[in-house]
């Protein structure tokens, strides 16, 4: 069921508070919906781990709800099931995060459970073992997936293996296999603190009442005295944003996976930060290059016109650190080199020649028009509020967004594409059947 907001989402309609323990609370009342969604993030991502401990942040987040000082995993699950609610946790390179949904009348339960899991996890040995085995199963499946293998190696080559952006969030089988409950307890004690927490609550709620409720739940969480500070996290993030080694020539690796009949490739460059002023020109350029319709110019040429790919598109990943701008395709192994050259041709064309007025207009129209669809559900609104806070965009961002997109010029599209994709030293990884000459 969809239940979009009845009034604008801006600084007047979103209540923002700093709780007693330093956590930030964002509340948006959406009376069109009988339910409530919560979302949160805080500074406990993989930037706080080393490559030798890759996957520790992710495993810690995955195991948070497997037992606390107040309830077992079974009790946690039953309390949610009894009211049809959900609450899940995960971690990425920058942050650990949670998301949950319930009827509005069960918000207190949702916040109580979230607080218990964040503040008082015990990481029982048997439950940690189960989560570890589940992660190892996921990693084993990824080893057999051409797309996953290509993506993992692409990041390793692009960033270098000492940068947390360069290893999988889930880690490696060799690192995950070694983690014990004490490792997760130590990471939680060091990385989890309310001072960096941002919590969004959206739905059929009264903002002052939510503020009061948040103070006695999330606001009552006191950090471990040895926990990392936001400054520690910012320093780790800055280290992850250090420029990687510069290469003068393209780098290519072909990964052979036995039993596969299709090749996946990932071709790209290091792009920009989400906070860069040229971000809006970049997303317009990326939409033209590899998203419009069924894959933009790349999809039209590589898949439709030449018939070289099963799928082809481009992605400009947002982040607080510089993230990839890449082209991805699934192809018949016999067409690999032709598909790569056709993809590079489209990137170079956009880097040299601005798009025409109609192509630019349609791209802007699609990007602006898709925004309301992302705000049809409470969890979509919560995610948007967290994104606005994460990147320092301000609570009036949604009102400003159409103007930011509309201000992008054809020359601006060409220039941002040239700044990244005109660099001849791209990174390329293919994965699938052996491409070596017979």
Protein backbone atom coordinates (compact mmCIF):
# COMPACT_ATOMS: atom_id res chain seq x y z
CA UNK A 1 0.00 0.00 0.00
CA UNK A 2 1.32 3.44 -0.91
CA UNK A 3 0.72 6.47 1.25
CA UNK A 4 2.77 9.42 0.08
CA UNK A 5 3.21 12.56 2.17
CA UNK A 6 0.29 14.98 2.38
CA UNK A 7 2.50 18.02 2.84
CA UNK A 8 5.97 19.11 1.81
CA UNK A 9 8.98 17.52 3.44
CA UNK A 10 11.07 20.48 4.57
CA UNK A 11 12.49 22.30 7.57
CA UNK A 12 8.98 23.33 8.64
CA UNK A 13 7.48 19.84 8.59
CA UNK A 14 10.44 17.78 9.85
CA UNK A 15 11.24 18.03 13.55
CA UNK A 16 14.96 17.76 14.31
CA UNK A 17 16.26 17.24 17.85
CA UNK A 18 19.53 16.39 19.56
CA UNK A 19 18.87 13.84 22.30
CA UNK A 20 20.49 13.97 25.72
CA UNK A 21 23.19 11.49 24.71
CA UNK A 22 24.09 13.34 21.49
CA UNK A 23 22.04 11.26 19.06
CA UNK A 24 20.11 13.13 16.35
CA UNK A 25 16.37 12.57 15.88
CA UNK A 26 14.39 13.42 12.73
CA UNK A 27 10.58 13.08 12.81
CA UNK A 28 8.16 13.51 9.92
CA UNK A 29 4.43 12.98 10.61
CA UNK A 30 2.61 11.25 7.77
CA UNK A 31 -1.05 10.88 8.80
CA UNK A 32 -1.87 9.34 5.42
CA UNK A 33 -0.41 6.08 6.72
CA UNK A 34 -1.42 3.99 9.76
CA UNK A 35 2.10 2.61 10.07
CA UNK A 36 5.51 3.90 11.08
CA UNK A 37 9.00 3.35 9.71
CA UNK A 38 12.29 3.97 11.45
CA UNK A 39 15.76 4.14 10.02
CA UNK A 40 19.12 4.99 11.52
CA UNK A 41 22.81 5.08 10.78
CA UNK A 42 25.91 5.66 12.86
CA UNK A 43 29.67 5.68 12.45
CA UNK A 44 30.46 1.96 12.75
CA UNK A 45 31.29 0.93 9.20
CA UNK A 46 34.21 -0.89 7.62
CA UNK A 47 36.43 2.22 7.65
CA UNK A 48 37.11 1.27 11.28
CA UNK A 49 38.51 -2.16 10.37
CA UNK A 50 41.68 -3.30 8.58
CA UNK A 51 41.96 -5.59 5.58
CA UNK A 52 43.20 -8.35 7.87
CA UNK A 53 39.88 -7.96 9.70
CA UNK A 54 37.73 -7.34 6.62
CA UNK A 55 34.08 -8.12 7.27
CA UNK A 56 34.15 -7.47 11.02
CA UNK A 57 31.86 -4.42 10.87
CA UNK A 58 29.37 -6.30 8.71
CA UNK A 59 29.37 -9.44 10.85
CA UNK A 60 28.96 -7.37 14.01
CA UNK A 61 25.91 -5.60 12.58
CA UNK A 62 24.42 -8.87 11.34
CA UNK A 63 24.80 -10.47 14.78
CA UNK A 64 23.58 -7.53 16.88
CA UNK A 65 20.08 -8.93 17.39
CA UNK A 66 21.18 -12.50 18.14
CA UNK A 67 20.95 -11.96 21.88
CA UNK A 68 21.10 -9.07 24.33
CA UNK A 69 21.37 -8.62 28.08
CA UNK A 70 17.56 -8.55 28.18
CA UNK A 71 16.31 -11.04 25.59
CA UNK A 72 17.36 -13.97 23.43
CA UNK A 73 17.22 -13.96 19.65
CA UNK A 74 14.04 -16.05 19.83
CA UNK A 75 12.41 -13.59 22.21
CA UNK A 76 13.44 -10.67 19.99
CA UNK A 77 11.93 -12.37 16.95
CA UNK A 78 8.73 -13.33 18.75
CA UNK A 79 8.13 -9.80 20.03
CA UNK A 80 8.34 -8.49 16.47
CA UNK A 81 6.25 -11.31 15.00
CA UNK A 82 3.44 -10.82 17.51
CA UNK A 83 2.75 -7.33 16.14
CA UNK A 84 3.78 -7.94 12.52
CA UNK A 85 6.80 -5.65 12.82
CA UNK A 86 10.30 -5.91 11.36
CA UNK A 87 13.73 -4.66 12.41
CA UNK A 88 16.97 -5.38 10.55
CA UNK A 89 20.61 -4.33 10.82
CA UNK A 90 23.53 -4.11 8.40
CA UNK A 91 26.80 -2.27 7.82
CA UNK A 92 28.51 -0.81 4.77
CA UNK A 93 31.90 0.79 4.29
CA UNK A 94 30.99 4.07 5.97
CA UNK A 95 28.20 3.31 8.44
CA UNK A 96 26.22 0.69 10.33
CA UNK A 97 22.47 1.07 9.85
CA UNK A 98 19.07 -0.25 10.83
CA UNK A 99 15.59 -0.18 9.38
CA UNK A 100 12.25 -1.17 10.84
CA UNK A 101 8.49 -1.01 10.28
CA UNK A 102 5.44 -1.45 12.50
CA UNK A 103 1.96 -0.12 13.13
CA UNK A 104 2.15 3.34 14.66
CA UNK A 105 0.83 2.00 17.97
CA UNK A 106 3.89 -0.27 18.21
CA UNK A 107 6.55 2.42 17.80
CA UNK A 108 7.52 2.16 21.46
CA UNK A 109 8.24 -1.55 21.04
CA UNK A 110 10.28 -0.88 17.89
CA UNK A 111 12.43 1.76 19.58
CA UNK A 112 12.80 -0.34 22.73
CA UNK A 113 14.06 -3.31 20.73
CA UNK A 114 16.35 -1.15 18.60
CA UNK A 115 17.87 0.41 21.72
CA UNK A 116 18.37 -2.95 23.40
CA UNK A 117 20.13 -4.37 20.35
CA UNK A 118 22.35 -1.32 19.82
CA UNK A 119 23.29 -0.83 23.46
CA UNK A 120 23.28 -4.30 25.04
CA UNK A 121 24.20 -7.07 22.54
CA UNK A 122 25.92 -10.07 24.09
CA UNK A 123 26.96 -11.91 20.90
CA UNK A 124 26.35 -15.48 22.17
CA UNK A 125 28.97 -17.87 20.81
CA UNK A 126 26.47 -20.23 19.19
CA UNK A 127 24.54 -17.44 17.49
CA UNK A 128 27.72 -15.78 16.23
CA UNK A 129 28.72 -19.14 14.79
CA UNK A 130 25.43 -19.37 12.89
CA UNK A 131 25.75 -15.85 11.48
CA UNK A 132 29.36 -16.53 10.53
CA UNK A 133 28.36 -19.67 8.64
CA UNK A 134 25.58 -17.80 6.85
CA UNK A 135 28.08 -15.16 5.77
CA UNK A 136 30.51 -17.80 4.55
CA UNK A 137 27.70 -19.34 2.48
CA UNK A 138 26.97 -15.95 0.91
CA UNK A 139 30.67 -15.49 0.13
CA UNK A 140 30.86 -18.98 -1.40
CA UNK A 141 27.95 -18.18 -3.71
CA UNK A 142 29.64 -14.89 -4.65
CA UNK A 143 32.75 -16.81 -5.68
CA UNK A 144 30.66 -18.60 -8.30
CA UNK A 145 28.98 -15.43 -9.58
CA UNK A 146 30.70 -13.65 -12.49
CA UNK A 147 29.09 -10.34 -11.55
CA UNK A 148 30.16 -10.57 -7.91
CA UNK A 149 33.68 -11.68 -8.78
CA UNK A 150 34.11 -8.87 -11.30
CA UNK A 151 32.78 -6.26 -8.86
CA UNK A 152 35.04 -7.41 -6.05
CA UNK A 153 38.22 -7.45 -8.13
CA UNK A 154 37.32 -4.14 -9.79
CA UNK A 155 37.27 -2.40 -6.42
CA UNK A 156 40.50 -4.05 -5.32
CA UNK A 157 42.25 -2.77 -8.43
CA UNK A 158 40.63 0.67 -8.32
CA UNK A 159 41.39 1.45 -4.67
CA UNK A 160 44.20 -0.89 -3.73
CA UNK A 161 43.83 -3.65 -1.21
CA UNK A 162 44.72 -1.49 1.84
CA UNK A 163 41.72 0.84 1.37
CA UNK A 164 38.39 -0.26 2.92
CA UNK A 165 36.65 0.87 -0.27
CA UNK A 166 38.68 -1.84 -1.97
CA UNK A 167 37.39 -4.89 -0.11
CA UNK A 168 33.89 -6.42 0.14
CA UNK A 169 31.71 -5.19 2.99
CA UNK A 170 31.11 -8.84 3.95
CA UNK A 171 34.87 -9.45 4.01
CA UNK A 172 36.65 -12.53 2.69
CA UNK A 173 36.14 -16.15 3.63
CA UNK A 174 39.67 -16.25 5.08
CA UNK A 175 38.99 -13.30 7.41
CA UNK A 176 35.39 -14.09 8.35
CA UNK A 177 36.26 -17.68 9.21
CA UNK A 178 38.54 -16.47 12.01
CA UNK A 179 36.08 -14.16 13.79
CA UNK A 180 34.92 -15.20 17.23
CA UNK A 181 32.33 -13.68 19.55
CA UNK A 182 35.00 -11.76 21.45
CA UNK A 183 36.03 -10.01 18.23
CA UNK A 184 32.48 -8.78 17.70
CA UNK A 185 32.18 -7.68 21.33
CA UNK A 186 35.40 -5.70 21.05
CA UNK A 187 34.35 -4.04 17.79
CA UNK A 188 30.97 -3.14 19.24
CA UNK A 189 32.56 -1.64 22.36
CA UNK A 190 34.91 0.43 20.22
CA UNK A 191 32.66 1.46 17.34
CA UNK A 192 29.09 1.75 18.64
CA UNK A 193 28.21 5.05 20.31
CA UNK A 194 25.07 7.22 20.30
CA UNK A 195 26.92 10.47 19.55
CA UNK A 196 27.11 9.57 15.86
CA UNK A 197 23.61 8.06 15.63
CA UNK A 198 20.99 9.65 13.38
CA UNK A 199 17.45 8.25 13.80
CA UNK A 200 14.52 9.02 11.49
CA UNK A 201 10.90 8.25 12.43
CA UNK A 202 8.16 8.63 9.81
CA UNK A 203 4.45 7.78 9.93
CA UNK A 204 1.25 8.37 11.88
CA UNK A 205 3.04 9.95 14.82
CA UNK A 206 3.00 13.08 16.94
CA UNK A 207 6.50 14.65 16.81
CA UNK A 208 6.63 15.87 20.45
CA UNK A 209 5.50 12.44 21.66
CA UNK A 210 8.15 10.76 19.50
CA UNK A 211 10.78 13.08 20.96
CA UNK A 212 9.76 12.11 24.49
CA UNK A 213 9.76 8.42 23.58
CA UNK A 214 13.15 8.65 21.88
CA UNK A 215 14.68 10.28 24.95
CA UNK A 216 13.72 7.33 27.20
CA UNK A 217 14.82 4.69 24.66
CA UNK A 218 17.61 5.64 22.25
CA UNK A 219 18.42 8.72 24.36
CA UNK A 220 19.13 6.54 27.40
CA UNK A 221 21.91 4.65 25.59
CA UNK A 222 25.25 5.56 27.15
CA UNK A 223 28.44 4.92 25.19
CA UNK A 224 31.27 2.73 26.35
CA UNK A 225 34.00 5.00 27.74
CA UNK A 226 36.49 3.50 25.26
CA UNK A 227 34.24 3.94 22.22
CA UNK A 228 35.59 5.67 19.16
CA UNK A 229 34.58 9.30 18.80
CA UNK A 230 33.15 10.94 15.67
CA UNK A 231 36.62 12.44 15.23
CA UNK A 232 38.16 8.94 15.11
CA UNK A 233 35.64 7.93 12.47
CA UNK A 234 36.24 11.08 10.41
CA UNK A 235 39.97 10.41 10.48
CA UNK A 236 39.38 6.84 9.29
CA UNK A 237 37.08 8.13 6.55
CA UNK A 238 39.70 10.67 5.44
CA UNK A 239 42.27 7.89 5.20
CA UNK A 240 39.87 5.90 3.01
CA UNK A 241 39.51 8.97 0.80
CA UNK A 242 43.24 9.26 0.19
CA UNK A 243 44.09 9.30 -3.53
CA UNK A 244 44.90 5.81 -4.80
CA UNK A 245 47.97 5.05 -6.87
CA UNK A 246 47.80 6.80 -10.23
CA UNK A 247 48.24 4.59 -13.29
CA UNK A 248 49.13 5.83 -16.77
CA UNK A 249 47.70 2.85 -18.64
CA UNK A 250 44.46 0.84 -18.48
CA UNK A 251 44.42 -2.13 -16.13
CA UNK A 252 42.60 -5.29 -17.17
CA UNK A 253 42.09 -8.66 -15.54
CA UNK A 254 40.13 -11.59 -16.97
CA UNK A 255 38.82 -13.98 -14.31
CA UNK A 256 38.02 -17.52 -15.48
CA UNK A 257 35.13 -19.24 -13.67
CA UNK A 258 34.54 -22.86 -14.56
CA UNK A 259 31.11 -23.82 -15.87
CA UNK A 260 29.98 -20.34 -16.91
CA UNK A 261 28.66 -19.45 -20.35
CA UNK A 262 28.20 -15.68 -19.95
CA UNK A 263 30.82 -13.02 -19.26
CA UNK A 264 30.21 -10.04 -16.99
CA UNK A 265 32.47 -7.03 -17.18
CA UNK A 266 32.95 -3.97 -15.03
CA UNK A 267 34.76 -1.02 -16.58
CA UNK A 268 35.25 2.23 -14.75
CA UNK A 269 37.08 5.09 -13.14
CA UNK A 270 37.23 6.73 -9.74
CA UNK A 271 34.45 9.31 -9.71
CA UNK A 272 33.45 12.06 -7.30
CA UNK A 273 32.09 12.42 -3.78
CA UNK A 274 28.36 12.88 -3.21
CA UNK A 275 29.16 16.27 -1.71
CA UNK A 276 30.99 17.53 -4.83
CA UNK A 277 29.22 20.49 -6.51
CA UNK A 278 29.37 18.65 -9.83
CA UNK A 279 27.31 15.74 -8.45
CA UNK A 280 24.08 16.86 -10.13
CA UNK A 281 25.72 17.18 -13.53
CA UNK A 282 27.20 13.73 -12.93
CA UNK A 283 23.85 12.04 -12.28
CA UNK A 284 22.38 13.67 -15.37
CA UNK A 285 25.38 12.53 -17.40
CA UNK A 286 25.14 9.01 -15.99
CA UNK A 287 21.42 8.87 -16.76
CA UNK A 288 22.11 9.78 -20.39
CA UNK A 289 25.05 7.41 -20.65
CA UNK A 290 23.65 4.29 -19.06
CA UNK A 291 20.25 4.62 -17.36
CA UNK A 292 17.67 6.34 -19.58
CA UNK A 293 15.08 3.91 -20.91
CA UNK A 294 16.69 0.47 -20.98
CA UNK A 295 20.26 1.54 -20.41
CA UNK A 296 20.86 4.93 -21.99
CA UNK A 297 23.29 5.32 -24.85
CA UNK A 298 25.27 2.28 -23.79
CA UNK A 299 22.22 0.04 -23.66
CA UNK A 300 20.95 1.40 -26.97
CA UNK A 301 24.24 0.83 -28.79
CA UNK A 302 25.81 -2.19 -27.11
CA UNK A 303 22.63 -4.20 -26.53
CA UNK A 304 19.97 -2.99 -28.97
CA UNK A 305 21.86 -1.82 -32.06
CA UNK A 306 24.85 -4.17 -32.07
CA UNK A 307 23.29 -7.04 -30.12
CA UNK A 308 26.47 -7.56 -28.11
CA UNK A 309 25.05 -7.68 -24.58
CA UNK A 310 22.22 -9.19 -22.57
CA UNK A 311 22.29 -6.12 -20.34
CA UNK A 312 24.41 -2.95 -20.30
CA UNK A 313 24.24 0.16 -18.13
CA UNK A 314 26.29 2.62 -16.10
CA UNK A 315 26.36 3.59 -12.43
CA UNK A 316 27.67 6.62 -10.52
CA UNK A 317 27.86 5.48 -6.90
CA UNK A 318 27.30 8.16 -4.19
CA UNK A 319 29.46 8.30 -1.07
CA UNK A 320 31.32 10.50 1.36
CA UNK A 321 34.53 9.30 -0.26
CA UNK A 322 35.20 9.18 -3.99
CA UNK A 323 33.27 6.29 -5.51
CA UNK A 324 33.31 4.51 -8.89
CA UNK A 325 31.64 5.67 -12.06
CA UNK A 326 31.40 2.46 -14.01
CA UNK A 327 29.91 0.60 -16.95
CA UNK A 328 28.59 -2.94 -16.50
CA UNK A 329 27.46 -5.49 -19.04
CA UNK A 330 26.60 -9.16 -19.41
CA UNK A 331 27.75 -10.53 -22.75
CA UNK A 332 28.45 -13.54 -24.90
CA UNK A 333 32.15 -14.35 -24.40
CA UNK A 334 32.69 -14.08 -28.16
CA UNK A 335 31.64 -10.41 -28.02
CA UNK A 336 33.69 -9.24 -25.04
CA UNK A 337 36.21 -7.00 -26.77
CA UNK A 338 33.66 -5.50 -29.15
CA UNK A 339 31.29 -4.71 -26.26
CA UNK A 340 34.09 -3.10 -24.26
CA UNK A 341 35.13 -0.93 -27.20
CA UNK A 342 31.52 0.07 -27.92
CA UNK A 343 31.04 1.06 -24.27
CA UNK A 344 34.24 3.11 -24.27
CA UNK A 345 33.10 4.77 -27.50
CA UNK A 346 29.88 5.97 -25.86
CA UNK A 347 31.76 7.29 -22.82
CA UNK A 348 34.23 9.15 -25.03
CA UNK A 349 31.46 10.59 -27.16
CA UNK A 350 29.73 12.10 -24.14
CA UNK A 351 33.09 13.37 -22.86
CA UNK A 352 33.68 15.18 -26.17
CA UNK A 353 30.24 16.34 -27.32
CA UNK A 354 27.45 17.81 -25.17
CA UNK A 355 24.06 16.06 -25.39
CA UNK A 356 21.43 17.71 -27.55
CA UNK A 357 18.66 19.78 -25.99
CA UNK A 358 15.98 17.07 -26.22
CA UNK A 359 18.13 14.34 -24.66
CA UNK A 360 19.05 16.70 -21.84
CA UNK A 361 15.42 17.72 -21.30
CA UNK A 362 14.18 14.14 -21.14
CA UNK A 363 16.90 13.16 -18.69
CA UNK A 364 16.12 16.03 -16.35
CA UNK A 365 12.40 15.31 -16.61
CA UNK A 366 12.92 11.67 -15.65
CA UNK A 367 15.23 12.44 -12.72
CA UNK A 368 12.89 15.08 -11.31
CA UNK A 369 9.76 13.05 -12.00
CA UNK A 370 11.07 9.93 -10.24
CA UNK A 371 11.52 11.70 -6.91
CA UNK A 372 7.87 11.45 -5.74
CA UNK A 373 7.94 7.69 -6.33
CA UNK A 374 10.73 7.41 -3.77
CA UNK A 375 8.51 9.14 -1.20
CA UNK A 376 5.38 7.01 -1.52
CA UNK A 377 6.17 4.89 1.54
CA UNK A 378 7.25 5.79 5.04
CA UNK A 379 10.49 3.85 4.72
CA UNK A 380 11.30 5.74 1.53
CA UNK A 381 10.79 9.05 3.33
CA UNK A 382 12.91 7.86 6.27
CA UNK A 383 15.70 6.84 3.89
CA UNK A 384 15.52 10.24 2.21
CA UNK A 385 15.76 12.08 5.55
CA UNK A 386 18.79 10.01 6.51
CA UNK A 387 20.43 10.69 3.15
CA UNK A 388 19.86 14.42 3.57
CA UNK A 389 21.46 14.33 7.01
CA UNK A 390 24.29 12.04 5.93
CA UNK A 391 25.46 14.40 3.21
CA UNK A 392 24.62 17.67 4.95
CA UNK A 393 22.03 18.64 2.34
CA UNK A 394 19.63 20.37 4.74
CA UNK A 395 15.97 19.69 5.39
CA UNK A 396 14.86 21.88 2.47
CA UNK A 397 16.77 19.73 -0.03
CA UNK A 398 13.72 18.12 -1.64
CA UNK A 399 12.32 21.51 -2.57
CA UNK A 400 15.68 22.54 -4.02
CA UNK A 401 16.31 19.30 -5.93
CA UNK A 402 14.33 20.11 -9.11
CA UNK A 403 16.21 23.38 -9.46
CA UNK A 404 19.57 21.69 -8.93
CA UNK A 405 18.83 19.24 -11.73
CA UNK A 406 17.31 21.86 -14.01
CA UNK A 407 20.43 24.02 -13.63
CA UNK A 408 22.62 21.35 -15.25
CA UNK A 409 23.76 22.42 -18.72
CA UNK A 410 24.74 20.37 -21.75
CA UNK A 411 28.30 21.65 -21.44
CA UNK A 412 28.26 20.69 -17.76
CA UNK A 413 27.32 17.12 -18.70
CA UNK A 414 30.17 16.94 -21.17
CA UNK A 415 32.65 18.45 -18.72
CA UNK A 416 31.92 16.11 -15.80
CA UNK A 417 32.08 13.11 -18.13
CA UNK A 418 35.40 14.29 -19.55
CA UNK A 419 36.81 14.91 -16.06
CA UNK A 420 36.37 11.22 -15.26
CA UNK A 421 35.94 9.12 -18.39
CA UNK A 422 38.42 10.85 -20.69
CA UNK A 423 41.17 9.37 -18.52
CA UNK A 424 42.72 6.54 -20.58
CA UNK A 425 43.75 4.68 -17.40
CA UNK A 426 40.46 2.92 -16.78
CA UNK A 427 40.08 -0.25 -14.72
CA UNK A 428 38.49 -3.29 -16.37
CA UNK A 429 37.61 -6.71 -15.00
CA UNK A 430 35.85 -9.50 -16.87
CA UNK A 431 34.56 -12.69 -15.24
CA UNK A 432 33.12 -15.79 -16.86
CA UNK A 433 34.41 -18.50 -19.19
CA UNK A 434 38.15 -18.63 -19.83
CA UNK A 435 38.95 -15.99 -22.48
CA UNK A 436 42.44 -17.33 -23.15
CA UNK A 437 43.08 -18.40 -26.76
CA UNK A 438 42.36 -22.09 -27.23
